N, C-alpha and C. Protein backbone atom coordinates (compact mmCIF):
# COMPACT_ATOMS: atom_id res chain seq x y z
N MET A 1 49.31 121.65 65.50
CA MET A 1 47.85 120.87 65.95
C MET A 1 47.22 119.94 65.72
N CYS A 2 46.81 120.74 64.42
CA CYS A 2 46.48 119.66 63.32
C CYS A 2 46.58 118.38 63.06
N LEU A 3 48.13 118.04 62.97
CA LEU A 3 48.62 117.14 62.89
C LEU A 3 48.50 116.11 64.16
N THR A 4 48.73 116.98 65.02
CA THR A 4 48.25 116.11 66.11
C THR A 4 46.85 115.45 66.34
N LEU A 5 45.91 116.38 65.97
CA LEU A 5 44.51 115.93 66.03
C LEU A 5 44.36 114.84 65.07
N LEU A 6 45.10 114.85 63.71
CA LEU A 6 44.89 114.11 62.88
C LEU A 6 45.73 112.39 63.49
N LEU A 7 46.44 112.79 64.19
CA LEU A 7 47.74 111.82 64.26
C LEU A 7 46.40 110.83 65.77
N ARG A 8 46.17 111.48 66.33
CA ARG A 8 45.54 111.03 67.52
C ARG A 8 43.92 110.21 67.02
N PHE A 9 43.68 111.02 65.66
CA PHE A 9 42.38 110.46 65.05
C PHE A 9 42.75 109.14 64.76
N ARG A 10 43.74 108.88 64.01
CA ARG A 10 44.39 107.52 63.32
C ARG A 10 44.32 106.77 63.83
N LEU A 11 45.44 107.15 65.11
CA LEU A 11 45.27 105.92 66.52
C LEU A 11 44.00 105.28 66.79
N ALA A 12 43.18 106.48 67.13
CA ALA A 12 42.01 106.05 68.08
C ALA A 12 41.19 105.10 66.88
N LEU A 13 41.18 105.05 65.60
CA LEU A 13 40.65 104.52 64.42
C LEU A 13 41.14 102.94 64.36
N PHE A 14 42.34 103.32 64.35
CA PHE A 14 43.40 101.70 64.48
C PHE A 14 42.68 101.08 65.69
N VAL A 15 42.88 101.71 66.69
CA VAL A 15 42.77 100.51 68.25
C VAL A 15 41.40 100.28 67.50
N ALA A 16 40.19 100.83 67.34
CA ALA A 16 38.73 100.86 67.37
C ALA A 16 38.79 99.23 66.34
N ILE A 17 39.24 99.64 64.93
CA ILE A 17 39.23 98.32 63.66
C ILE A 17 40.21 97.07 64.77
N GLN A 18 40.93 97.61 65.60
CA GLN A 18 41.96 95.95 65.95
C GLN A 18 40.96 95.81 66.70
N GLN A 19 39.95 96.33 68.08
CA GLN A 19 39.20 95.61 68.75
C GLN A 19 38.00 94.91 68.31
N ALA A 20 37.51 95.75 67.15
CA ALA A 20 36.49 95.28 66.36
C ALA A 20 36.63 93.58 65.76
N THR A 21 37.98 93.43 65.40
CA THR A 21 38.20 92.12 64.17
C THR A 21 38.87 91.27 64.91
N ALA A 22 39.30 91.81 66.75
CA ALA A 22 39.74 90.58 67.72
C ALA A 22 39.00 89.33 67.60
N PRO A 23 39.72 88.35 67.92
CA PRO A 23 38.28 87.65 68.03
C PRO A 23 37.96 87.54 69.25
N SER A 24 36.60 87.04 69.60
CA SER A 24 36.28 87.05 70.85
C SER A 24 36.01 85.73 71.49
N GLN A 25 35.86 85.66 73.08
CA GLN A 25 36.26 84.05 73.59
C GLN A 25 34.04 84.14 73.84
N ALA A 26 33.36 84.32 72.76
CA ALA A 26 32.09 84.12 73.50
C ALA A 26 31.71 82.88 73.50
N SER A 27 30.82 82.50 74.45
CA SER A 27 30.41 81.21 74.62
C SER A 27 29.11 81.50 74.98
N SER A 28 28.02 80.37 75.02
CA SER A 28 27.29 80.41 75.02
C SER A 28 26.71 79.68 76.74
N ILE A 29 25.67 80.18 77.88
CA ILE A 29 25.40 79.23 79.05
C ILE A 29 24.20 79.10 79.17
N LYS A 30 23.58 77.78 78.91
CA LYS A 30 22.14 77.30 79.39
C LYS A 30 22.41 77.45 80.74
N VAL A 31 21.08 78.26 81.20
CA VAL A 31 20.48 78.07 82.44
C VAL A 31 19.42 77.34 82.78
N THR A 32 19.39 76.44 83.68
CA THR A 32 18.02 75.80 84.15
C THR A 32 17.97 76.54 85.44
N VAL A 33 16.50 77.11 85.66
CA VAL A 33 16.20 77.12 86.93
C VAL A 33 14.88 76.36 87.06
N VAL A 34 16.14 75.26 88.40
CA VAL A 34 15.31 74.07 88.54
C VAL A 34 13.97 74.68 89.36
N ALA A 35 13.92 74.61 90.47
CA ALA A 35 13.30 74.81 91.68
C ALA A 35 13.57 75.90 92.78
N GLY A 36 12.99 76.26 93.66
CA GLY A 36 13.37 77.17 94.89
C GLY A 36 12.84 76.22 96.20
N SER A 37 13.31 76.83 97.22
CA SER A 37 12.99 75.53 98.29
C SER A 37 13.26 76.74 99.16
N LYS A 38 12.13 76.44 100.23
CA LYS A 38 11.98 77.24 101.66
C LYS A 38 11.91 79.04 101.96
N LEU A 39 11.22 79.11 100.38
CA LEU A 39 11.63 80.86 100.37
C LEU A 39 10.89 81.39 101.70
N LEU A 40 11.07 82.80 101.17
CA LEU A 40 10.07 83.38 102.89
C LEU A 40 8.72 84.06 102.14
N SER A 41 7.81 83.88 103.36
CA SER A 41 6.55 83.93 102.72
C SER A 41 6.58 86.03 102.45
N SER A 42 6.05 86.91 101.74
CA SER A 42 6.11 88.24 102.31
C SER A 42 4.93 88.76 103.36
N ARG A 43 4.77 89.79 103.64
CA ARG A 43 4.19 90.79 104.80
C ARG A 43 4.09 92.08 103.75
N HIS A 44 2.52 92.34 104.32
CA HIS A 44 2.01 93.04 103.33
C HIS A 44 1.37 93.88 104.13
N GLY A 45 1.22 95.59 104.20
CA GLY A 45 0.51 96.46 104.58
C GLY A 45 0.64 96.65 106.22
N LEU A 46 -0.25 97.84 106.50
CA LEU A 46 0.33 98.37 108.12
C LEU A 46 0.52 96.98 109.10
N LEU A 47 -0.43 95.90 109.05
CA LEU A 47 -0.79 95.28 109.65
C LEU A 47 0.09 93.84 109.41
N GLN A 48 1.18 93.92 108.39
CA GLN A 48 2.11 93.28 108.17
C GLN A 48 1.55 91.77 108.00
N GLU A 49 0.48 91.47 107.24
CA GLU A 49 -0.31 90.52 107.19
C GLU A 49 0.14 89.49 105.68
N VAL A 50 0.35 87.83 106.26
CA VAL A 50 0.99 87.12 105.48
C VAL A 50 0.35 87.51 103.89
N ILE A 51 1.36 87.41 103.24
CA ILE A 51 0.24 87.27 102.00
C ILE A 51 0.92 86.18 100.91
N ARG A 52 -0.53 85.19 100.02
CA ARG A 52 0.32 83.96 99.03
C ARG A 52 1.43 84.57 98.95
N CYS A 53 2.43 83.19 98.22
CA CYS A 53 3.48 83.15 97.72
C CYS A 53 3.61 83.08 96.01
N ASN A 54 3.65 83.88 95.39
CA ASN A 54 3.47 83.53 94.11
C ASN A 54 4.56 83.95 93.12
N PRO A 55 5.80 82.85 92.99
CA PRO A 55 7.28 83.23 93.23
C PRO A 55 7.49 83.05 91.43
N TYR A 56 8.68 83.76 90.90
CA TYR A 56 8.74 83.41 89.80
C TYR A 56 10.46 83.97 90.00
N CYS A 57 11.07 83.73 89.01
CA CYS A 57 12.70 83.89 89.31
C CYS A 57 12.84 84.88 88.12
N ALA A 58 13.76 85.75 87.93
CA ALA A 58 14.03 86.55 87.43
C ALA A 58 16.02 86.66 86.82
N ILE A 59 16.74 86.37 85.56
CA ILE A 59 17.74 86.26 85.62
C ILE A 59 18.64 87.31 84.50
N SER A 60 19.64 88.04 84.91
CA SER A 60 20.23 88.58 84.23
C SER A 60 21.48 88.53 84.00
N LEU A 61 22.23 89.08 82.68
CA LEU A 61 23.36 89.09 82.81
C LEU A 61 23.71 90.49 81.87
N GLY A 62 23.77 91.37 82.52
CA GLY A 62 24.26 92.47 81.66
C GLY A 62 22.80 93.22 81.09
N ILE A 63 22.63 93.63 80.32
CA ILE A 63 21.23 93.74 80.09
C ILE A 63 20.16 93.12 79.42
N VAL A 64 21.33 91.92 79.53
CA VAL A 64 20.04 90.91 78.97
C VAL A 64 19.38 90.25 79.78
N LYS A 65 17.92 90.45 80.06
CA LYS A 65 17.06 89.57 81.58
C LYS A 65 15.89 89.01 80.93
N LYS A 66 16.06 87.60 81.52
CA LYS A 66 14.66 86.63 81.33
C LYS A 66 14.26 86.24 82.31
N GLN A 67 12.51 85.91 82.19
CA GLN A 67 12.26 85.11 83.72
C GLN A 67 11.75 83.83 83.45
N THR A 68 11.46 83.16 84.30
CA THR A 68 10.46 81.98 84.84
C THR A 68 8.59 82.87 84.80
N HIS A 69 7.75 81.18 84.44
CA HIS A 69 6.61 81.74 85.00
C HIS A 69 6.52 82.48 86.16
N VAL A 70 5.29 82.57 86.66
CA VAL A 70 5.16 82.65 88.21
C VAL A 70 4.24 81.18 88.66
N LEU A 71 4.61 80.74 89.44
CA LEU A 71 3.92 79.83 90.20
C LEU A 71 2.65 80.21 91.21
N SER A 72 1.73 79.54 91.52
CA SER A 72 0.88 80.13 92.79
C SER A 72 0.97 79.42 93.80
N ASP A 73 0.68 79.94 94.39
CA ASP A 73 1.12 79.96 95.99
C ASP A 73 1.67 78.65 96.43
N THR A 74 2.56 78.80 96.79
CA THR A 74 3.97 77.86 96.75
C THR A 74 5.10 78.72 97.53
N LEU A 75 6.00 77.66 98.37
CA LEU A 75 7.50 78.59 98.92
C LEU A 75 8.25 77.36 98.53
N ASP A 76 7.73 76.65 97.98
CA ASP A 76 8.91 75.13 96.99
C ASP A 76 8.56 75.26 95.84
N PRO A 77 8.41 76.44 94.99
CA PRO A 77 8.91 76.32 93.26
C PRO A 77 9.13 75.06 92.74
N HIS A 78 8.55 74.66 91.61
CA HIS A 78 9.41 73.76 90.85
C HIS A 78 9.38 74.80 89.31
N TRP A 79 10.23 74.88 88.88
CA TRP A 79 10.20 75.57 87.38
C TRP A 79 10.39 75.01 86.37
N SER A 80 11.67 74.45 86.67
CA SER A 80 12.13 73.65 85.15
C SER A 80 12.48 74.51 83.96
N GLU A 81 12.81 75.37 84.11
CA GLU A 81 12.75 76.57 82.40
C GLU A 81 14.10 76.66 82.60
N THR A 82 14.20 76.69 81.10
CA THR A 82 15.62 76.28 80.54
C THR A 82 16.29 77.84 79.45
N PHE A 83 17.02 78.53 79.82
CA PHE A 83 17.37 80.01 79.17
C PHE A 83 18.76 80.39 78.35
N SER A 84 19.00 80.72 77.23
CA SER A 84 20.22 80.68 77.40
C SER A 84 20.98 81.91 76.83
N PHE A 85 21.65 81.88 77.44
CA PHE A 85 22.83 83.26 77.53
C PHE A 85 24.41 83.47 76.66
N GLU A 86 24.43 84.68 76.31
CA GLU A 86 25.33 84.56 75.53
C GLU A 86 26.69 85.28 76.45
N TRP A 87 28.08 85.16 76.54
CA TRP A 87 28.87 85.40 77.33
C TRP A 87 30.05 85.59 76.79
N ASP A 88 30.52 86.50 77.10
CA ASP A 88 32.38 86.71 76.60
C ASP A 88 32.99 86.31 77.65
N ARG A 89 33.89 85.00 77.38
CA ARG A 89 34.79 84.62 78.72
C ARG A 89 35.35 85.08 79.21
N SER A 90 35.96 86.38 78.33
CA SER A 90 37.40 87.70 78.39
C SER A 90 36.93 88.87 79.51
N GLY A 91 35.77 88.64 79.45
CA GLY A 91 35.65 89.89 80.34
C GLY A 91 34.92 91.08 79.67
N LYS A 92 35.63 91.22 78.59
CA LYS A 92 35.94 92.67 78.06
C LYS A 92 34.84 93.06 77.43
N GLU A 93 34.08 92.03 76.31
CA GLU A 93 32.59 92.88 75.94
C GLU A 93 31.58 92.65 77.02
N SER A 94 31.22 91.90 78.16
CA SER A 94 29.99 91.43 78.36
C SER A 94 30.54 91.47 80.20
N ALA A 95 29.37 91.71 80.50
CA ALA A 95 29.20 91.78 82.40
C ALA A 95 29.39 90.34 82.80
N SER A 96 30.05 90.07 83.76
CA SER A 96 30.28 88.99 84.20
C SER A 96 29.49 88.41 85.62
N THR A 97 28.48 88.85 85.93
CA THR A 97 27.66 88.68 87.11
C THR A 97 26.70 88.42 86.61
N MET A 98 25.85 87.08 87.01
CA MET A 98 24.94 86.58 86.62
C MET A 98 23.61 86.72 87.81
N VAL A 99 22.69 87.50 87.73
CA VAL A 99 21.63 87.81 88.44
C VAL A 99 20.46 87.20 88.80
N PHE A 100 20.49 86.30 89.54
CA PHE A 100 19.11 85.76 89.73
C PHE A 100 18.22 86.27 91.22
N THR A 101 17.09 86.34 90.77
CA THR A 101 16.15 87.31 91.77
C THR A 101 14.81 86.30 91.53
N VAL A 102 14.54 85.94 92.97
CA VAL A 102 12.77 85.36 92.96
C VAL A 102 12.06 86.81 93.77
N PHE A 103 11.07 86.76 92.41
CA PHE A 103 10.14 88.10 93.28
C PHE A 103 8.46 87.13 93.63
N ASN A 104 8.06 87.61 94.52
CA ASN A 104 6.51 87.14 94.89
C ASN A 104 5.82 87.87 94.03
N ARG A 105 5.18 87.62 93.04
CA ARG A 105 3.88 88.71 92.12
C ARG A 105 2.55 88.25 93.44
N VAL A 106 2.52 89.92 93.63
CA VAL A 106 1.50 90.12 94.58
C VAL A 106 0.06 90.88 93.88
N GLY A 107 0.37 91.37 92.64
CA GLY A 107 -0.71 91.84 92.18
C GLY A 107 -0.58 93.77 92.42
N GLY A 108 -0.97 94.10 91.40
CA GLY A 108 -0.89 95.74 92.02
C GLY A 108 0.49 96.36 91.21
N ALA A 109 1.20 97.49 91.98
CA ALA A 109 1.85 98.13 91.38
C ALA A 109 3.47 97.39 91.04
N SER A 110 4.14 96.89 92.18
CA SER A 110 5.16 96.15 91.66
C SER A 110 5.31 94.72 92.74
N ASP A 111 6.19 93.91 92.21
CA ASP A 111 6.39 92.92 92.91
C ASP A 111 7.22 92.89 94.25
N ILE A 112 7.17 91.97 95.17
CA ILE A 112 8.26 92.20 95.82
C ILE A 112 9.51 90.61 96.14
N CYS A 113 10.53 91.82 95.87
CA CYS A 113 11.85 90.60 95.99
C CYS A 113 12.33 89.69 97.31
N ALA A 114 12.21 88.63 97.08
CA ALA A 114 12.04 87.69 97.99
C ALA A 114 13.49 87.09 98.19
N GLY A 115 14.48 87.17 97.68
CA GLY A 115 15.64 86.92 97.48
C GLY A 115 16.86 86.87 96.49
N SER A 116 17.69 87.39 96.02
CA SER A 116 18.51 86.89 95.02
C SER A 116 20.12 86.40 95.80
N HIS A 117 20.36 86.14 94.06
CA HIS A 117 21.74 85.30 94.25
C HIS A 117 22.75 86.04 92.97
N GLU A 118 24.09 86.46 93.67
CA GLU A 118 24.82 86.96 92.26
C GLU A 118 25.79 86.09 92.14
N LEU A 119 25.55 85.51 91.03
CA LEU A 119 26.81 84.67 90.54
C LEU A 119 28.44 85.13 89.70
N ASP A 120 29.33 85.33 89.93
CA ASP A 120 30.29 85.61 89.69
C ASP A 120 30.87 84.72 88.65
N LEU A 121 30.46 84.68 87.24
CA LEU A 121 30.86 84.04 85.83
C LEU A 121 32.60 84.01 85.48
N SER A 122 33.53 85.16 86.23
CA SER A 122 34.74 84.84 85.89
C SER A 122 35.49 83.89 86.66
N LYS A 123 34.94 83.14 87.58
CA LYS A 123 35.01 81.87 88.63
C LYS A 123 35.04 80.90 87.09
N PHE A 124 34.56 80.95 86.60
CA PHE A 124 33.73 80.11 85.12
C PHE A 124 34.75 80.32 83.99
N LYS A 125 35.83 81.14 84.02
CA LYS A 125 36.00 81.48 82.85
C LYS A 125 36.97 80.61 82.01
N ASP A 126 37.29 79.34 82.38
CA ASP A 126 38.27 77.97 82.09
C ASP A 126 37.44 76.89 81.98
N PHE A 127 35.85 77.14 82.43
CA PHE A 127 35.17 76.06 82.82
C PHE A 127 34.20 75.31 81.53
N GLN A 128 34.40 74.06 81.06
CA GLN A 128 33.35 73.53 80.36
C GLN A 128 32.58 72.61 81.01
N GLY A 129 31.40 72.55 80.89
CA GLY A 129 30.80 71.20 81.74
C GLY A 129 29.67 71.81 82.29
N VAL A 130 29.32 70.77 83.33
CA VAL A 130 27.79 71.31 83.92
C VAL A 130 28.03 71.68 85.56
N VAL A 131 27.29 72.81 85.88
CA VAL A 131 27.17 72.83 87.25
C VAL A 131 25.63 72.79 87.82
N ASP A 132 25.56 72.08 88.52
CA ASP A 132 24.44 71.45 89.58
C ASP A 132 24.26 71.64 90.65
N ASP A 133 23.65 72.57 91.31
CA ASP A 133 23.84 73.10 92.60
C ASP A 133 22.52 73.96 93.35
N TRP A 134 22.29 74.08 94.52
CA TRP A 134 21.51 74.73 95.21
C TRP A 134 22.33 75.86 95.37
N PHE A 135 22.04 77.13 95.50
CA PHE A 135 22.40 78.16 96.05
C PHE A 135 21.60 78.96 96.83
N PRO A 136 22.50 79.80 97.85
CA PRO A 136 21.38 80.75 98.78
C PRO A 136 20.99 82.19 98.22
N LEU A 137 19.88 82.33 98.61
CA LEU A 137 19.17 83.35 98.06
C LEU A 137 19.37 84.33 99.32
N PHE A 138 19.58 85.90 99.04
CA PHE A 138 19.98 86.54 100.23
C PHE A 138 18.72 87.76 100.02
N VAL A 139 18.37 88.19 101.22
CA VAL A 139 17.45 89.44 101.22
C VAL A 139 19.00 90.61 102.18
N HIS A 140 18.66 91.89 101.18
CA HIS A 140 19.91 92.88 101.96
C HIS A 140 18.87 94.11 102.61
N VAL A 141 19.09 94.26 103.87
CA VAL A 141 18.63 94.75 104.66
C VAL A 141 18.77 96.35 103.79
N ASP A 142 19.87 96.92 103.65
CA ASP A 142 20.32 97.88 102.90
C ASP A 142 20.97 97.48 101.83
N ARG A 143 19.89 97.80 100.82
CA ARG A 143 20.45 97.15 99.15
C ARG A 143 21.74 97.69 98.90
N ALA A 144 21.99 99.47 99.27
CA ALA A 144 23.17 100.24 98.72
C ALA A 144 24.18 99.17 99.23
N THR A 145 24.33 99.23 100.30
CA THR A 145 25.66 98.63 101.09
C THR A 145 26.13 96.74 101.52
N ARG A 146 24.68 96.59 101.12
CA ARG A 146 24.38 95.29 101.54
C ARG A 146 24.58 94.94 103.19
N VAL A 147 24.38 95.82 103.70
CA VAL A 147 24.73 95.09 104.89
C VAL A 147 23.17 94.42 105.43
N GLY A 148 23.27 93.59 106.41
CA GLY A 148 22.23 92.98 107.36
C GLY A 148 21.84 91.87 106.29
N SER A 149 22.44 91.12 105.55
CA SER A 149 22.03 89.99 104.46
C SER A 149 21.47 88.88 105.23
N ASN A 150 20.25 88.48 105.02
CA ASN A 150 19.96 87.38 105.76
C ASN A 150 19.81 85.93 104.70
N VAL A 151 20.01 84.95 104.97
CA VAL A 151 19.41 83.97 103.77
C VAL A 151 17.46 83.57 104.46
N ALA A 152 17.18 83.74 102.48
CA ALA A 152 15.78 83.63 102.49
C ALA A 152 15.57 82.47 101.33
N GLY A 153 16.07 81.19 102.15
CA GLY A 153 15.71 80.47 100.77
C GLY A 153 16.75 80.02 100.14
N SER A 154 16.64 79.21 98.78
CA SER A 154 17.73 78.63 98.24
C SER A 154 17.03 78.18 96.61
N LEU A 155 17.80 78.59 95.74
CA LEU A 155 17.75 78.10 94.31
C LEU A 155 18.04 76.86 93.63
N LYS A 156 17.38 76.36 93.40
CA LYS A 156 17.97 75.08 92.83
C LYS A 156 18.65 75.70 91.08
N LEU A 157 20.38 75.65 90.73
CA LEU A 157 20.12 75.74 89.23
C LEU A 157 20.98 74.98 88.41
N ARG A 158 20.56 74.62 87.17
CA ARG A 158 21.89 73.77 86.22
C ARG A 158 22.27 75.04 85.45
N LEU A 159 23.97 75.34 85.65
CA LEU A 159 24.58 75.90 84.34
C LEU A 159 25.38 74.85 83.65
N GLN A 160 25.11 75.09 82.48
CA GLN A 160 25.90 74.30 81.37
C GLN A 160 26.75 75.29 80.46
N PHE A 161 27.97 75.31 80.82
CA PHE A 161 29.20 76.07 80.27
C PHE A 161 29.39 75.71 78.91
N ALA A 162 29.34 75.93 77.49
CA ALA A 162 29.63 75.61 76.40
C ALA A 162 30.90 76.11 75.98
N PRO A 163 31.90 75.86 75.12
CA PRO A 163 32.89 76.67 74.24
C PRO A 163 32.62 77.36 73.81
């Protein structure tokens, strides 16, 4: 019994050392959030009055989160802000979905989600270069099942994939 436990421990230790010393396929992604277009205005309160749109974009990759600054009173924001992320191309050590969420800063307790886009980075596993395009933003009626997705404007992104 003790010999079996000792062998299992040594095997687990060997595997952990192999994984820790294996070369990773880490690379960097420069993300420029260029602009938003035709964002939906938010409605608030019992009367559902239209409130001013003060958008910002939050970007997350795994536990790493970054965001643009808030722009005042616009449905067509221009940020042109660049952020860097580290990403493991093999997909073993990090998340492979980058999430872009546009929020409306309304003041008070919480901001309102104006739309989001999930970008599957595994599609770019072997890609080096620049992707410069508009991506649709979606609002999900039921966030858990993603049923009832509606297009809620678009987001212009420039992604630079480095080796």
